[in-house]
Structure formats: C-alpha cells, structure tokens
Amino acid sequence: MKKLLIVVVLLVACQKETMPKAAAPAKAPAPHRSCPSAAETQAIIGKSSDFGELDFTQTAVTIPVKKSAMNAPQLDNAKQLASGGWLKFDGDDVTLTKGKDDPRFNVRGNGFIDVVPLAKKKMGTASNVRQSAEGCDADFTWRWEPTEVGGAFKHGPIADMFAKPHNSVATLMWDGANWTILRVK
C-alpha cells in the first residue's frame, strides 16, 4: 500500500509539472498619449536646444579686412557696420572702432573679420499640434531679433531676414515622463 501511495503521489506531481499552465492575461496596450496643448508645445520648443540650433549659421557675417577684396554684398555689409560705428575705412584697410575689443568681432589671421552673433531667435506661437507616426508634430513661428551689432543692418538680405517671420515644424516625442523635441525643421 505504501508503494501504491508513493506511485500515486509521484504521478500527481509529474502531471502538475507537465500540465499546461494557464496563460497570463494579456497586458493591456499602453493608453494613447494625447499631444500637448499649443501653449505647452510652444514652451517645450522655446526651451529646446534644437530650436536654438535651427538656422544658427544665419547669424554671422564675414567681411575682408581690405576694402579692395570685398565683393558688392560684403562692401554693403561693411558700410552698414561703419554707419553703426562698429568699424571704419582707413584707405583700403578696415579697422574696428566700437568692435575693437568686442568678442563678437573676430579678426582672423587670414584677412577676414567674422561678426557673430547678429541676432538671436525669438519664439513665436505654436499651432496645429497633431498626432504623427513619431509622436506629435507642431507648426510654429519664430523671428530673428537683432543684437546691438545686428541693428546696424538697415537694408539688404540681413535686414530682410530680421523683418520677416519664419515658419518651422517641430516633432515631439514622449520619453515616458515628458514631451521632448525629436527634431525641428
């Protein structure tokens, strides 16, 4: 009888191990995350480094230190900077006046002066925040706000760049805790 009881216990134990286990209930899909509001999106974009890096190469001008080496647009830029008191012409030479000890003016050894930055970006408004395959896309506007040096430009491409609003699109993604910028274009 003892042997029979041991066999029965072993059979029951073996059956428990080989019996299929009940499948765990399926995990519910993550809830759909709504896009942030236009105001929240505007704040997220305005604080992002991606916005800061957008078109940053547009905030500089380079001019030769010799008037005779300038093309027409460079000469026009130099004349506008001279009108603003930042530099002057001394015969063929360009010399810095107000810009002499200003870190925004970099006189390079190769005969050129780089002037940067001429402007900083100012966030406008975000609109049309919508779902996208990567999260949410949002249209937004922004402007170039001239620096003190950039204010010397009263006409031409640089002044035109300051005068008009710019339109861009930001793609936001949810990182599990916050909305962040994936890219700005």
N, C-alpha and C. Protein backbone atom coordinates (compact mmCIF):
# COMPACT_ATOMS: atom_id res chain seq x y z
N MET A 1 0.83 -1.18 0.00
CA MET A 1 0.00 0.00 0.00
C MET A 1 0.88 1.25 0.00
N LYS A 2 1.96 1.21 0.73
CA LYS A 2 2.88 2.31 0.78
C LYS A 2 3.43 2.60 -0.61
N LYS A 3 3.77 1.52 -1.32
CA LYS A 3 4.33 1.67 -2.66
C LYS A 3 3.29 2.30 -3.58
N LEU A 4 2.05 1.87 -3.43
CA LEU A 4 0.99 2.42 -4.27
C LEU A 4 0.79 3.90 -3.98
N LEU A 5 0.83 4.28 -2.75
CA LEU A 5 0.68 5.69 -2.36
C LEU A 5 1.83 6.52 -2.92
N ILE A 6 3.04 6.02 -2.89
CA ILE A 6 4.19 6.75 -3.43
C ILE A 6 4.04 6.90 -4.93
N VAL A 7 3.59 5.89 -5.63
CA VAL A 7 3.40 5.95 -7.08
C VAL A 7 2.34 6.99 -7.42
N VAL A 8 1.24 7.00 -6.68
CA VAL A 8 0.16 7.95 -6.92
C VAL A 8 0.67 9.38 -6.70
N VAL A 9 1.41 9.61 -5.62
CA VAL A 9 1.94 10.94 -5.33
C VAL A 9 2.88 11.37 -6.45
N LEU A 10 3.74 10.46 -6.90
CA LEU A 10 4.66 10.78 -7.99
C LEU A 10 3.91 11.09 -9.28
N LEU A 11 2.88 10.31 -9.59
CA LEU A 11 2.09 10.57 -10.81
C LEU A 11 1.41 11.93 -10.75
N VAL A 12 0.87 12.24 -9.63
CA VAL A 12 0.19 13.53 -9.47
C VAL A 12 1.21 14.66 -9.60
N ALA A 13 2.37 14.50 -9.00
CA ALA A 13 3.40 15.52 -9.07
C ALA A 13 3.88 15.71 -10.51
N CYS A 14 4.06 14.61 -11.21
CA CYS A 14 4.50 14.67 -12.61
C CYS A 14 3.44 15.33 -13.48
N GLN A 15 2.19 15.01 -13.22
CA GLN A 15 1.12 15.60 -14.03
C GLN A 15 1.06 17.11 -13.82
N LYS A 16 1.31 17.58 -12.63
CA LYS A 16 1.28 19.02 -12.37
C LYS A 16 2.36 19.74 -13.15
N GLU A 17 3.54 19.08 -13.26
CA GLU A 17 4.65 19.71 -13.98
C GLU A 17 4.40 19.73 -15.48
N THR A 18 3.72 18.72 -16.01
CA THR A 18 3.52 18.64 -17.46
C THR A 18 2.22 19.26 -17.91
N MET A 19 1.36 19.60 -16.99
CA MET A 19 0.09 20.21 -17.37
C MET A 19 0.36 21.63 -17.85
N PRO A 20 -0.27 21.99 -18.94
CA PRO A 20 -0.06 23.37 -19.42
C PRO A 20 -0.57 24.37 -18.39
N LYS A 21 0.22 25.39 -18.20
CA LYS A 21 -0.17 26.43 -17.24
C LYS A 21 -1.12 27.38 -17.95
N ALA A 22 -2.00 27.94 -17.20
CA ALA A 22 -2.94 28.92 -17.75
C ALA A 22 -2.14 30.13 -18.24
N ALA A 23 -2.46 30.61 -19.42
CA ALA A 23 -1.76 31.77 -19.98
C ALA A 23 -2.03 32.99 -19.12
N ALA A 24 -0.98 33.79 -18.93
CA ALA A 24 -1.13 35.02 -18.17
C ALA A 24 -2.04 35.95 -18.97
N PRO A 25 -2.85 36.72 -18.29
CA PRO A 25 -3.74 37.62 -19.03
C PRO A 25 -2.90 38.58 -19.87
N ALA A 26 -3.37 38.85 -21.07
CA ALA A 26 -2.65 39.75 -21.97
C ALA A 26 -2.55 41.14 -21.35
N LYS A 27 -1.36 41.74 -21.51
CA LYS A 27 -1.14 43.08 -20.97
C LYS A 27 -1.91 44.08 -21.83
N ALA A 28 -2.62 44.93 -21.18
CA ALA A 28 -3.41 45.94 -21.91
C ALA A 28 -2.45 46.89 -22.62
N PRO A 29 -2.77 47.31 -23.82
CA PRO A 29 -1.89 48.25 -24.52
C PRO A 29 -1.79 49.55 -23.75
N ALA A 30 -0.64 50.20 -23.91
CA ALA A 30 -0.44 51.48 -23.23
C ALA A 30 -1.50 52.46 -23.71
N PRO A 31 -1.99 53.27 -22.80
CA PRO A 31 -3.00 54.24 -23.22
C PRO A 31 -2.41 55.22 -24.23
N HIS A 32 -3.23 55.66 -25.13
CA HIS A 32 -2.81 56.62 -26.16
C HIS A 32 -2.49 57.95 -25.49
N ARG A 33 -1.32 58.49 -25.73
CA ARG A 33 -0.89 59.75 -25.13
C ARG A 33 -1.35 60.88 -26.04
N SER A 34 -2.08 61.79 -25.50
CA SER A 34 -2.54 62.96 -26.26
C SER A 34 -1.39 63.93 -26.45
N CYS A 35 -1.43 64.65 -27.53
CA CYS A 35 -0.42 65.69 -27.78
C CYS A 35 -0.58 66.80 -26.75
N PRO A 36 0.52 67.49 -26.44
CA PRO A 36 0.39 68.63 -25.51
C PRO A 36 -0.39 69.75 -26.19
N SER A 37 -0.88 70.66 -25.40
CA SER A 37 -1.61 71.82 -25.94
C SER A 37 -0.64 72.70 -26.73
N ALA A 38 -1.20 73.62 -27.48
CA ALA A 38 -0.36 74.55 -28.25
C ALA A 38 0.53 75.38 -27.33
N ALA A 39 0.00 75.82 -26.20
CA ALA A 39 0.79 76.61 -25.24
C ALA A 39 1.92 75.78 -24.64
N GLU A 40 1.62 74.52 -24.27
CA GLU A 40 2.66 73.64 -23.74
C GLU A 40 3.72 73.36 -24.80
N THR A 41 3.27 73.13 -26.02
CA THR A 41 4.19 72.86 -27.13
C THR A 41 5.09 74.06 -27.37
N GLN A 42 4.53 75.24 -27.35
CA GLN A 42 5.30 76.48 -27.53
C GLN A 42 6.41 76.57 -26.49
N ALA A 43 6.09 76.28 -25.23
CA ALA A 43 7.09 76.33 -24.15
C ALA A 43 8.18 75.27 -24.35
N ILE A 44 7.79 74.07 -24.76
CA ILE A 44 8.74 72.98 -24.98
C ILE A 44 9.71 73.36 -26.10
N ILE A 45 9.19 73.86 -27.20
CA ILE A 45 10.03 74.25 -28.33
C ILE A 45 10.96 75.39 -27.94
N GLY A 46 10.41 76.41 -27.30
CA GLY A 46 11.19 77.60 -26.94
C GLY A 46 12.37 77.29 -26.04
N LYS A 47 12.27 76.25 -25.21
CA LYS A 47 13.35 75.89 -24.29
C LYS A 47 14.34 74.89 -24.87
N SER A 48 14.03 74.35 -26.03
CA SER A 48 14.84 73.24 -26.56
C SER A 48 16.12 73.71 -27.24
N SER A 49 17.17 72.93 -27.13
CA SER A 49 18.42 73.23 -27.82
C SER A 49 18.23 73.09 -29.34
N ASP A 50 17.29 72.24 -29.76
CA ASP A 50 17.03 72.07 -31.19
C ASP A 50 16.55 73.39 -31.81
N PHE A 51 15.72 74.13 -31.08
CA PHE A 51 15.28 75.43 -31.56
C PHE A 51 16.46 76.38 -31.63
N GLY A 52 17.32 76.35 -30.61
CA GLY A 52 18.50 77.21 -30.59
C GLY A 52 19.44 76.94 -31.76
N GLU A 53 19.52 75.69 -32.19
CA GLU A 53 20.43 75.32 -33.28
C GLU A 53 19.83 75.55 -34.67
N LEU A 54 18.53 75.76 -34.74
CA LEU A 54 17.86 75.96 -36.03
C LEU A 54 18.41 77.20 -36.74
N ASP A 55 18.93 77.03 -37.93
CA ASP A 55 19.44 78.13 -38.76
C ASP A 55 20.48 79.02 -38.07
N PHE A 56 21.23 78.47 -37.12
CA PHE A 56 22.18 79.31 -36.37
C PHE A 56 23.27 79.89 -37.26
N THR A 57 23.56 79.25 -38.39
CA THR A 57 24.61 79.77 -39.28
C THR A 57 24.20 81.08 -39.95
N GLN A 58 22.95 81.45 -39.84
CA GLN A 58 22.47 82.69 -40.45
C GLN A 58 22.80 83.92 -39.60
N THR A 59 23.41 83.73 -38.45
CA THR A 59 23.60 84.84 -37.53
C THR A 59 25.01 85.42 -37.57
N ALA A 60 25.70 85.24 -38.67
CA ALA A 60 27.06 85.75 -38.80
C ALA A 60 27.26 86.42 -40.15
N VAL A 61 28.25 87.28 -40.20
CA VAL A 61 28.67 87.89 -41.45
C VAL A 61 30.20 87.91 -41.43
N THR A 62 30.78 87.70 -42.59
CA THR A 62 32.24 87.73 -42.74
C THR A 62 32.59 88.77 -43.80
N ILE A 63 33.55 89.63 -43.44
CA ILE A 63 34.00 90.64 -44.40
C ILE A 63 35.53 90.65 -44.41
N PRO A 64 36.12 90.95 -45.57
CA PRO A 64 37.58 91.07 -45.64
C PRO A 64 38.07 92.31 -44.90
N VAL A 65 39.34 92.29 -44.48
CA VAL A 65 39.92 93.45 -43.80
C VAL A 65 40.43 94.49 -44.81
N LYS A 66 40.33 94.16 -46.10
CA LYS A 66 40.72 95.08 -47.16
C LYS A 66 39.50 95.41 -48.01
N LYS A 67 39.25 96.68 -48.18
CA LYS A 67 38.10 97.12 -48.99
C LYS A 67 38.21 96.60 -50.42
N SER A 68 39.42 96.55 -50.96
CA SER A 68 39.63 96.11 -52.34
C SER A 68 39.32 94.61 -52.52
N ALA A 69 39.27 93.84 -51.42
CA ALA A 69 38.98 92.41 -51.51
C ALA A 69 37.49 92.10 -51.36
N MET A 70 36.68 93.12 -51.14
CA MET A 70 35.25 92.91 -50.90
C MET A 70 34.46 92.84 -52.19
N ASN A 71 33.48 91.92 -52.21
CA ASN A 71 32.50 91.93 -53.30
C ASN A 71 31.41 92.92 -52.90
N ALA A 72 30.44 93.14 -53.78
CA ALA A 72 29.40 94.15 -53.53
C ALA A 72 28.61 93.90 -52.23
N PRO A 73 28.13 92.65 -51.97
CA PRO A 73 27.40 92.44 -50.71
C PRO A 73 28.28 92.65 -49.46
N GLN A 74 29.54 92.23 -49.52
CA GLN A 74 30.44 92.44 -48.37
C GLN A 74 30.68 93.93 -48.14
N LEU A 75 30.87 94.68 -49.21
CA LEU A 75 31.07 96.12 -49.09
C LEU A 75 29.84 96.78 -48.48
N ASP A 76 28.66 96.37 -48.92
CA ASP A 76 27.42 96.92 -48.36
C ASP A 76 27.32 96.60 -46.87
N ASN A 77 27.64 95.36 -46.49
CA ASN A 77 27.61 94.99 -45.07
C ASN A 77 28.61 95.82 -44.27
N ALA A 78 29.82 95.99 -44.81
CA ALA A 78 30.84 96.78 -44.12
C ALA A 78 30.39 98.23 -43.96
N LYS A 79 29.79 98.79 -45.00
CA LYS A 79 29.32 100.18 -44.91
C LYS A 79 28.23 100.32 -43.85
N GLN A 80 27.34 99.34 -43.74
CA GLN A 80 26.29 99.40 -42.72
C GLN A 80 26.91 99.29 -41.31
N LEU A 81 27.91 98.42 -41.16
CA LEU A 81 28.59 98.32 -39.86
C LEU A 81 29.34 99.61 -39.55
N ALA A 82 29.91 100.25 -40.57
CA ALA A 82 30.59 101.53 -40.38
C ALA A 82 29.59 102.61 -39.97
N SER A 83 28.42 102.62 -40.60
CA SER A 83 27.38 103.59 -40.23
C SER A 83 26.94 103.41 -38.79
N GLY A 84 26.99 102.18 -38.30
CA GLY A 84 26.64 101.91 -36.91
C GLY A 84 27.78 102.18 -35.94
N GLY A 85 28.95 102.58 -36.47
CA GLY A 85 30.08 102.91 -35.61
C GLY A 85 30.93 101.72 -35.20
N TRP A 86 30.69 100.57 -35.79
CA TRP A 86 31.43 99.36 -35.39
C TRP A 86 32.79 99.25 -36.04
N LEU A 87 32.93 99.82 -37.23
CA LEU A 87 34.22 99.79 -37.92
C LEU A 87 34.34 101.04 -38.78
N LYS A 88 35.54 101.23 -39.36
CA LYS A 88 35.73 102.38 -40.26
C LYS A 88 36.69 101.97 -41.36
N PHE A 89 36.65 102.73 -42.43
CA PHE A 89 37.56 102.52 -43.55
C PHE A 89 38.71 103.51 -43.39
N ASP A 90 39.91 102.99 -43.49
CA ASP A 90 41.12 103.83 -43.44
C ASP A 90 41.87 103.53 -44.73
N GLY A 91 41.50 104.24 -45.79
CA GLY A 91 42.03 103.91 -47.12
C GLY A 91 41.46 102.57 -47.54
N ASP A 92 42.32 101.60 -47.83
CA ASP A 92 41.87 100.25 -48.22
C ASP A 92 41.64 99.35 -47.00
N ASP A 93 42.11 99.80 -45.85
CA ASP A 93 42.02 98.97 -44.63
C ASP A 93 40.69 99.17 -43.91
N VAL A 94 40.23 98.09 -43.31
CA VAL A 94 39.05 98.13 -42.45
C VAL A 94 39.57 97.99 -41.02
N THR A 95 39.22 98.93 -40.16
CA THR A 95 39.63 98.85 -38.76
C THR A 95 38.40 98.89 -37.87
N LEU A 96 38.50 98.18 -36.78
CA LEU A 96 37.38 98.13 -35.83
C LEU A 96 37.43 99.36 -34.94
N THR A 97 36.27 99.91 -34.65
CA THR A 97 36.16 101.04 -33.72
C THR A 97 35.46 100.52 -32.46
N LYS A 98 34.13 100.59 -32.40
CA LYS A 98 33.39 100.05 -31.24
C LYS A 98 33.64 98.54 -31.10
N GLY A 99 33.85 97.87 -32.20
CA GLY A 99 34.03 96.43 -32.18
C GLY A 99 35.43 95.97 -31.83
N LYS A 100 36.35 96.92 -31.55
CA LYS A 100 37.77 96.58 -31.34
C LYS A 100 37.98 95.54 -30.25
N ASP A 101 37.39 95.70 -29.10
CA ASP A 101 37.56 94.75 -28.00
C ASP A 101 36.29 93.93 -27.76
N ASP A 102 35.43 93.92 -28.74
CA ASP A 102 34.16 93.20 -28.63
C ASP A 102 34.34 91.76 -29.10
N PRO A 103 34.00 90.77 -28.25
CA PRO A 103 34.20 89.37 -28.64
C PRO A 103 33.32 88.93 -29.82
N ARG A 104 32.35 89.74 -30.20
CA ARG A 104 31.52 89.42 -31.36
C ARG A 104 32.26 89.66 -32.68
N PHE A 105 33.40 90.34 -32.61
CA PHE A 105 34.22 90.63 -33.79
C PHE A 105 35.50 89.82 -33.68
N ASN A 106 35.67 88.88 -34.61
CA ASN A 106 36.85 88.02 -34.61
C ASN A 106 37.68 88.33 -35.85
N VAL A 107 38.84 88.96 -35.64
CA VAL A 107 39.73 89.26 -36.76
C VAL A 107 40.63 88.04 -36.93
N ARG A 108 40.43 87.34 -38.05
CA ARG A 108 41.21 86.13 -38.32
C ARG A 108 42.52 86.48 -39.01
N GLY A 109 43.48 85.61 -38.85
CA GLY A 109 44.80 85.81 -39.45
C GLY A 109 44.81 85.73 -40.97
N ASN A 110 43.73 85.22 -41.54
CA ASN A 110 43.68 85.07 -43.00
C ASN A 110 43.07 86.29 -43.70
N GLY A 111 42.91 87.39 -42.96
CA GLY A 111 42.44 88.62 -43.61
C GLY A 111 40.93 88.82 -43.63
N PHE A 112 40.22 88.16 -42.73
CA PHE A 112 38.76 88.32 -42.66
C PHE A 112 38.33 88.65 -41.24
N ILE A 113 37.21 89.31 -41.14
CA ILE A 113 36.58 89.61 -39.85
C ILE A 113 35.25 88.87 -39.81
N ASP A 114 35.06 88.05 -38.80
CA ASP A 114 33.78 87.38 -38.56
C ASP A 114 33.03 88.19 -37.52
N VAL A 115 31.77 88.45 -37.77
CA VAL A 115 30.93 89.16 -36.81
C VAL A 115 29.78 88.21 -36.46
N VAL A 116 29.72 87.82 -35.18
CA VAL A 116 28.71 86.85 -34.75
C VAL A 116 28.45 87.02 -33.25
N PRO A 117 27.26 86.97 -32.77
CA PRO A 117 26.01 86.81 -33.49
C PRO A 117 25.41 88.16 -33.87
N LEU A 118 24.67 88.13 -34.94
CA LEU A 118 23.95 89.32 -35.38
C LEU A 118 22.53 89.33 -34.85
N ALA A 119 22.06 88.16 -34.40
CA ALA A 119 20.67 88.05 -33.93
C ALA A 119 20.52 86.84 -33.04
N LYS A 120 19.42 86.81 -32.34
CA LYS A 120 19.03 85.62 -31.59
C LYS A 120 17.59 85.30 -31.98
N LYS A 121 17.20 84.08 -31.76
CA LYS A 121 15.83 83.68 -32.13
C LYS A 121 14.85 84.05 -31.03
N LYS A 122 13.67 84.43 -31.48
CA LYS A 122 12.58 84.71 -30.55
C LYS A 122 11.40 83.84 -30.96
N MET A 123 10.94 83.02 -30.04
CA MET A 123 9.84 82.10 -30.30
C MET A 123 8.56 82.87 -30.55
N GLY A 124 7.82 82.42 -31.54
CA GLY A 124 6.51 82.98 -31.83
C GLY A 124 5.45 82.10 -31.20
N THR A 125 4.53 81.60 -32.01
CA THR A 125 3.45 80.77 -31.49
C THR A 125 3.46 79.39 -32.14
N ALA A 126 3.02 78.42 -31.38
CA ALA A 126 2.84 77.05 -31.89
C ALA A 126 1.37 76.87 -32.24
N SER A 127 1.12 76.12 -33.29
CA SER A 127 -0.25 75.86 -33.71
C SER A 127 -0.32 74.52 -34.42
N ASN A 128 -1.51 74.08 -34.69
CA ASN A 128 -1.75 72.85 -35.43
C ASN A 128 -0.95 71.67 -34.85
N VAL A 129 -1.07 71.48 -33.54
CA VAL A 129 -0.40 70.35 -32.88
C VAL A 129 -1.22 69.11 -33.21
N ARG A 130 -0.55 68.12 -33.79
CA ARG A 130 -1.27 66.95 -34.28
C ARG A 130 -0.45 65.68 -34.10
N GLN A 131 -1.17 64.55 -34.03
CA GLN A 131 -0.51 63.24 -33.91
C GLN A 131 0.29 62.97 -35.18
N SER A 132 1.43 62.30 -35.00
CA SER A 132 2.23 61.86 -36.14
C SER A 132 2.76 60.46 -35.80
N ALA A 133 3.40 59.84 -36.76
CA ALA A 133 3.92 58.48 -36.55
C ALA A 133 4.96 58.44 -35.44
N GLU A 134 5.67 59.54 -35.21
CA GLU A 134 6.73 59.56 -34.21
C GLU A 134 6.31 60.21 -32.89
N GLY A 135 5.13 60.73 -32.82
CA GLY A 135 4.64 61.40 -31.61
C GLY A 135 3.64 62.47 -31.98
N CYS A 136 4.10 63.72 -31.97
CA CYS A 136 3.26 64.84 -32.35
C CYS A 136 4.08 65.83 -33.18
N ASP A 137 3.46 66.39 -34.19
CA ASP A 137 4.08 67.45 -34.99
C ASP A 137 3.35 68.75 -34.66
N ALA A 138 4.10 69.84 -34.71
CA ALA A 138 3.51 71.16 -34.43
C ALA A 138 4.14 72.19 -35.35
N ASP A 139 3.31 73.02 -35.93
CA ASP A 139 3.79 74.16 -36.70
C ASP A 139 4.08 75.27 -35.71
N PHE A 140 5.13 76.07 -35.99
CA PHE A 140 5.38 77.21 -35.12
C PHE A 140 6.07 78.32 -35.90
N THR A 141 5.95 79.52 -35.37
CA THR A 141 6.59 80.69 -35.97
C THR A 141 7.68 81.18 -35.04
N TRP A 142 8.63 81.88 -35.63
CA TRP A 142 9.70 82.49 -34.85
C TRP A 142 10.29 83.64 -35.66
N ARG A 143 11.06 84.49 -35.00
CA ARG A 143 11.67 85.65 -35.64
C ARG A 143 13.14 85.75 -35.21
N TRP A 144 13.90 86.44 -36.04
CA TRP A 144 15.25 86.83 -35.64
C TRP A 144 15.14 88.17 -34.94
N GLU A 145 15.71 88.28 -33.78
CA GLU A 145 15.75 89.54 -33.04
C GLU A 145 17.19 90.05 -33.10
N PRO A 146 17.44 91.17 -33.80
CA PRO A 146 18.82 91.64 -33.96
C PRO A 146 19.49 91.98 -32.63
N THR A 147 20.78 91.65 -32.55
CA THR A 147 21.59 92.09 -31.41
C THR A 147 21.92 93.56 -31.64
N GLU A 148 22.66 94.15 -30.73
CA GLU A 148 23.08 95.55 -30.90
C GLU A 148 23.86 95.70 -32.21
N VAL A 149 24.74 94.76 -32.51
CA VAL A 149 25.51 94.80 -33.75
C VAL A 149 24.57 94.58 -34.95
N GLY A 150 23.69 93.60 -34.85
CA GLY A 150 22.76 93.31 -35.94
C GLY A 150 21.86 94.47 -36.27
N GLY A 151 21.62 95.35 -35.30
CA GLY A 151 20.78 96.52 -35.52
C GLY A 151 21.37 97.50 -36.53
N ALA A 152 22.66 97.36 -36.84
CA ALA A 152 23.30 98.24 -37.83
C ALA A 152 22.80 97.95 -39.24
N PHE A 153 22.24 96.78 -39.46
CA PHE A 153 21.79 96.40 -40.81
C PHE A 153 20.38 96.93 -41.05
N LYS A 154 20.28 97.91 -41.93
CA LYS A 154 19.02 98.58 -42.22
C LYS A 154 18.40 98.16 -43.54
N HIS A 155 19.18 97.52 -44.41
CA HIS A 155 18.67 97.07 -45.70
C HIS A 155 19.49 95.84 -46.14
N GLY A 156 19.02 95.18 -47.17
CA GLY A 156 19.73 94.03 -47.69
C GLY A 156 19.25 92.72 -47.08
N PRO A 157 19.92 91.62 -47.43
CA PRO A 157 19.47 90.29 -47.00
C PRO A 157 19.41 90.10 -45.48
N ILE A 158 20.35 90.69 -44.77
CA ILE A 158 20.35 90.51 -43.31
C ILE A 158 19.15 91.24 -42.69
N ALA A 159 18.92 92.48 -43.08
CA ALA A 159 17.76 93.23 -42.58
C ALA A 159 16.47 92.54 -42.99
N ASP A 160 16.43 92.00 -44.21
CA ASP A 160 15.23 91.28 -44.67
C ASP A 160 14.98 90.05 -43.80
N MET A 161 16.05 89.36 -43.42
CA MET A 161 15.92 88.17 -42.57
C MET A 161 15.30 88.55 -41.21
N PHE A 162 15.69 89.71 -40.69
CA PHE A 162 15.16 90.16 -39.40
C PHE A 162 13.70 90.59 -39.51
N ALA A 163 13.30 91.09 -40.66
CA ALA A 163 11.98 91.69 -40.82
C ALA A 163 10.84 90.69 -40.96
N LYS A 164 11.14 89.49 -41.41
CA LYS A 164 10.04 88.56 -41.70
C LYS A 164 9.93 87.45 -40.66
N PRO A 165 8.71 86.98 -40.43
CA PRO A 165 8.55 85.83 -39.54
C PRO A 165 8.97 84.55 -40.29
N HIS A 166 9.39 83.56 -39.54
CA HIS A 166 9.82 82.28 -40.11
C HIS A 166 8.88 81.19 -39.62
N ASN A 167 8.67 80.17 -40.45
CA ASN A 167 7.80 79.05 -40.10
C ASN A 167 8.61 77.77 -40.06
N SER A 168 8.35 76.95 -39.05
CA SER A 168 9.04 75.67 -38.91
C SER A 168 8.08 74.63 -38.36
N VAL A 169 8.56 73.38 -38.33
CA VAL A 169 7.78 72.28 -37.78
C VAL A 169 8.65 71.55 -36.77
N ALA A 170 8.09 71.28 -35.60
CA ALA A 170 8.78 70.50 -34.57
C ALA A 170 8.08 69.16 -34.42
N THR A 171 8.89 68.11 -34.25
CA THR A 171 8.35 66.79 -33.94
C THR A 171 8.68 66.51 -32.48
N LEU A 172 7.64 66.24 -31.70
CA LEU A 172 7.80 65.94 -30.28
C LEU A 172 7.59 64.46 -30.05
N MET A 173 8.31 63.90 -29.07
CA MET A 173 8.10 62.50 -28.71
C MET A 173 7.96 62.40 -27.20
N TRP A 174 7.23 61.39 -26.78
CA TRP A 174 7.02 61.14 -25.36
C TRP A 174 8.15 60.23 -24.89
N ASP A 175 8.92 60.64 -23.88
CA ASP A 175 10.04 59.83 -23.41
C ASP A 175 9.68 58.95 -22.21
N GLY A 176 8.41 58.85 -21.93
CA GLY A 176 7.95 58.05 -20.80
C GLY A 176 7.56 58.92 -19.60
N ALA A 177 8.09 60.13 -19.58
CA ALA A 177 7.77 61.05 -18.48
C ALA A 177 7.43 62.46 -18.98
N ASN A 178 8.01 62.85 -20.11
CA ASN A 178 7.83 64.22 -20.62
C ASN A 178 7.81 64.22 -22.14
N TRP A 179 7.27 65.30 -22.68
CA TRP A 179 7.38 65.53 -24.11
C TRP A 179 8.72 66.19 -24.35
N THR A 180 9.47 65.70 -25.34
CA THR A 180 10.76 66.28 -25.70
C THR A 180 10.79 66.48 -27.22
N ILE A 181 11.75 67.24 -27.68
CA ILE A 181 11.89 67.51 -29.11
C ILE A 181 12.70 66.40 -29.75
N LEU A 182 12.16 65.82 -30.79
CA LEU A 182 12.88 64.84 -31.60
C LEU A 182 13.68 65.58 -32.67
N ARG A 183 13.04 66.54 -33.33
CA ARG A 183 13.72 67.34 -34.34
C ARG A 183 12.90 68.60 -34.63
N VAL A 184 13.59 69.58 -35.17
CA VAL A 184 12.97 70.82 -35.62
C VAL A 184 13.46 71.06 -37.05
N LYS A 185 12.54 71.34 -37.93
CA LYS A 185 12.94 71.66 -39.31
C LYS A 185 12.09 72.76 -39.88
